[in-house]
Amino acid sequence: MAKKTIDFEYRAKAGELEQIVAALQNPAIEIDEATKLHAAGLKLVAEIEAYLSQAEIEVKKHTASTE
């Protein structure tokens, strides 16, 4: 059975998150925009955390099989 490859661009997602953080640090940001950006940021954080958790599992599998 072939494994599915997850098409996830970590650098792109991290860059997007950095842009959101920078925008939220702007004191002139409107509350509505800040709320939308905050929600988008939370979603990105969850996606990145899920990806990293899966990557950690894969790395542990590979290192355990080489020992």
N, C-alpha and C. Protein backbone atom coordinates (compact mmCIF):
# COMPACT_ATOMS: atom_id res chain seq x y z
N MET A 1 0.84 -1.18 0.00
CA MET A 1 0.00 0.00 0.00
C MET A 1 0.88 1.24 0.00
N ALA A 2 0.64 2.13 -0.93
CA ALA A 2 1.45 3.34 -1.05
C ALA A 2 1.03 4.37 0.00
N LYS A 3 2.03 5.07 0.53
CA LYS A 3 1.74 6.12 1.51
C LYS A 3 1.33 7.39 0.80
N LYS A 4 0.40 8.10 1.40
CA LYS A 4 0.03 9.40 0.86
C LYS A 4 1.08 10.41 1.29
N THR A 5 1.44 11.28 0.38
CA THR A 5 2.36 12.35 0.75
C THR A 5 1.54 13.58 1.07
N ILE A 6 1.91 14.22 2.15
CA ILE A 6 1.21 15.42 2.56
C ILE A 6 1.88 16.60 1.88
N ASP A 7 1.09 17.34 1.11
CA ASP A 7 1.60 18.51 0.41
C ASP A 7 1.45 19.71 1.34
N PHE A 8 2.50 20.00 2.08
CA PHE A 8 2.47 21.07 3.07
C PHE A 8 3.72 21.90 2.89
N GLU A 9 3.56 23.17 2.70
CA GLU A 9 4.71 24.06 2.53
C GLU A 9 4.95 24.81 3.84
N TYR A 10 5.82 24.23 4.65
CA TYR A 10 6.08 24.78 5.98
C TYR A 10 6.56 26.22 5.90
N ARG A 11 7.54 26.47 5.04
CA ARG A 11 8.09 27.83 4.95
C ARG A 11 7.03 28.85 4.54
N ALA A 12 6.17 28.48 3.62
CA ALA A 12 5.11 29.38 3.18
C ALA A 12 4.14 29.66 4.31
N LYS A 13 3.75 28.62 5.04
CA LYS A 13 2.82 28.79 6.16
C LYS A 13 3.45 29.62 7.26
N ALA A 14 4.72 29.37 7.57
CA ALA A 14 5.41 30.14 8.60
C ALA A 14 5.55 31.60 8.18
N GLY A 15 5.83 31.83 6.91
CA GLY A 15 5.92 33.20 6.40
C GLY A 15 4.59 33.92 6.49
N GLU A 16 3.54 33.21 6.18
CA GLU A 16 2.19 33.78 6.27
C GLU A 16 1.88 34.16 7.72
N LEU A 17 2.26 33.29 8.64
CA LEU A 17 2.04 33.56 10.06
C LEU A 17 2.84 34.78 10.51
N GLU A 18 4.07 34.91 10.03
CA GLU A 18 4.89 36.07 10.37
C GLU A 18 4.25 37.37 9.87
N GLN A 19 3.65 37.32 8.68
CA GLN A 19 2.98 38.50 8.14
C GLN A 19 1.77 38.88 9.00
N ILE A 20 1.06 37.88 9.46
CA ILE A 20 -0.10 38.14 10.32
C ILE A 20 0.34 38.77 11.63
N VAL A 21 1.40 38.24 12.21
CA VAL A 21 1.91 38.79 13.48
C VAL A 21 2.35 40.24 13.28
N ALA A 22 3.04 40.51 12.18
CA ALA A 22 3.49 41.87 11.91
C ALA A 22 2.30 42.81 11.74
N ALA A 23 1.27 42.37 11.05
CA ALA A 23 0.08 43.20 10.86
C ALA A 23 -0.62 43.46 12.18
N LEU A 24 -0.67 42.45 13.03
CA LEU A 24 -1.33 42.61 14.34
C LEU A 24 -0.56 43.55 15.26
N GLN A 25 0.73 43.70 15.02
CA GLN A 25 1.54 44.60 15.85
C GLN A 25 1.39 46.07 15.44
N ASN A 26 0.74 46.31 14.32
CA ASN A 26 0.51 47.67 13.86
C ASN A 26 -0.55 48.33 14.75
N PRO A 27 -0.20 49.40 15.42
CA PRO A 27 -1.17 50.03 16.33
C PRO A 27 -2.36 50.66 15.60
N ALA A 28 -2.27 50.86 14.31
CA ALA A 28 -3.36 51.49 13.56
C ALA A 28 -4.35 50.48 12.98
N ILE A 29 -4.16 49.21 13.29
CA ILE A 29 -5.05 48.18 12.72
C ILE A 29 -6.45 48.32 13.28
N GLU A 30 -7.42 48.15 12.41
CA GLU A 30 -8.83 48.21 12.83
C GLU A 30 -9.19 46.91 13.56
N ILE A 31 -10.10 46.99 14.48
CA ILE A 31 -10.47 45.83 15.31
C ILE A 31 -11.04 44.69 14.46
N ASP A 32 -11.84 45.03 13.44
CA ASP A 32 -12.41 43.98 12.59
C ASP A 32 -11.31 43.22 11.85
N GLU A 33 -10.36 43.95 11.33
CA GLU A 33 -9.24 43.32 10.63
C GLU A 33 -8.40 42.50 11.60
N ALA A 34 -8.16 43.03 12.79
CA ALA A 34 -7.38 42.31 13.79
C ALA A 34 -8.05 41.00 14.17
N THR A 35 -9.36 41.03 14.29
CA THR A 35 -10.11 39.82 14.64
C THR A 35 -9.98 38.77 13.55
N LYS A 36 -10.10 39.19 12.30
CA LYS A 36 -9.95 38.26 11.17
C LYS A 36 -8.54 37.69 11.11
N LEU A 37 -7.55 38.55 11.30
CA LEU A 37 -6.16 38.09 11.26
C LEU A 37 -5.86 37.13 12.41
N HIS A 38 -6.41 37.43 13.58
CA HIS A 38 -6.21 36.56 14.74
C HIS A 38 -6.75 35.16 14.46
N ALA A 39 -7.95 35.09 13.89
CA ALA A 39 -8.56 33.80 13.57
C ALA A 39 -7.72 33.05 12.52
N ALA A 40 -7.25 33.77 11.53
CA ALA A 40 -6.40 33.16 10.49
C ALA A 40 -5.10 32.67 11.10
N GLY A 41 -4.55 33.44 12.03
CA GLY A 41 -3.32 33.04 12.70
C GLY A 41 -3.49 31.79 13.53
N LEU A 42 -4.60 31.70 14.24
CA LEU A 42 -4.87 30.50 15.04
C LEU A 42 -5.00 29.26 14.15
N LYS A 43 -5.63 29.43 13.00
CA LYS A 43 -5.77 28.32 12.07
C LYS A 43 -4.40 27.88 11.54
N LEU A 44 -3.57 28.83 11.20
CA LEU A 44 -2.22 28.51 10.71
C LEU A 44 -1.40 27.80 11.78
N VAL A 45 -1.48 28.29 13.01
CA VAL A 45 -0.75 27.66 14.11
C VAL A 45 -1.18 26.20 14.27
N ALA A 46 -2.47 25.96 14.20
CA ALA A 46 -2.98 24.58 14.33
C ALA A 46 -2.47 23.71 13.19
N GLU A 47 -2.46 24.24 11.97
CA GLU A 47 -1.97 23.48 10.81
C GLU A 47 -0.48 23.17 10.96
N ILE A 48 0.29 24.16 11.38
CA ILE A 48 1.73 23.97 11.55
C ILE A 48 2.02 22.96 12.66
N GLU A 49 1.31 23.07 13.77
CA GLU A 49 1.51 22.14 14.88
C GLU A 49 1.17 20.71 14.46
N ALA A 50 0.09 20.54 13.72
CA ALA A 50 -0.29 19.20 13.25
C ALA A 50 0.77 18.64 12.32
N TYR A 51 1.27 19.46 11.43
CA TYR A 51 2.31 19.02 10.51
C TYR A 51 3.58 18.61 11.27
N LEU A 52 3.99 19.45 12.21
CA LEU A 52 5.20 19.14 12.97
C LEU A 52 5.04 17.89 13.83
N SER A 53 3.86 17.68 14.38
CA SER A 53 3.61 16.47 15.16
C SER A 53 3.73 15.23 14.28
N GLN A 54 3.16 15.30 13.09
CA GLN A 54 3.25 14.19 12.15
C GLN A 54 4.69 13.96 11.71
N ALA A 55 5.41 15.04 11.47
CA ALA A 55 6.81 14.92 11.07
C ALA A 55 7.63 14.27 12.18
N GLU A 56 7.35 14.62 13.43
CA GLU A 56 8.05 14.03 14.56
C GLU A 56 7.80 12.52 14.62
N ILE A 57 6.57 12.12 14.40
CA ILE A 57 6.23 10.69 14.40
C ILE A 57 7.00 9.96 13.30
N GLU A 58 7.05 10.56 12.12
CA GLU A 58 7.77 9.95 11.00
C GLU A 58 9.26 9.82 11.30
N VAL A 59 9.84 10.86 11.88
CA VAL A 59 11.26 10.82 12.21
C VAL A 59 11.54 9.73 13.25
N LYS A 60 10.67 9.63 14.25
CA LYS A 60 10.86 8.58 15.28
C LYS A 60 10.74 7.20 14.66
N LYS A 61 9.83 7.02 13.71
CA LYS A 61 9.69 5.73 13.05
C LYS A 61 10.98 5.37 12.31
N HIS A 62 11.51 6.33 11.58
CA HIS A 62 12.71 6.09 10.78
C HIS A 62 13.94 5.85 11.67
N THR A 63 14.05 6.60 12.75
CA THR A 63 15.21 6.40 13.61
C THR A 63 15.11 5.10 14.39
N ALA A 64 13.89 4.70 14.73
CA ALA A 64 13.71 3.43 15.46
C ALA A 64 14.03 2.24 14.56
N SER A 65 13.73 2.36 13.29
CA SER A 65 13.98 1.25 12.38
C SER A 65 15.45 1.13 12.01
N THR A 66 16.24 2.16 12.23
CA THR A 66 17.67 2.10 11.91
C THR A 66 18.52 1.70 13.11
N GLU A 67 17.92 1.59 14.27
CA GLU A 67 18.69 1.24 15.46
C GLU A 67 18.89 -0.25 15.58
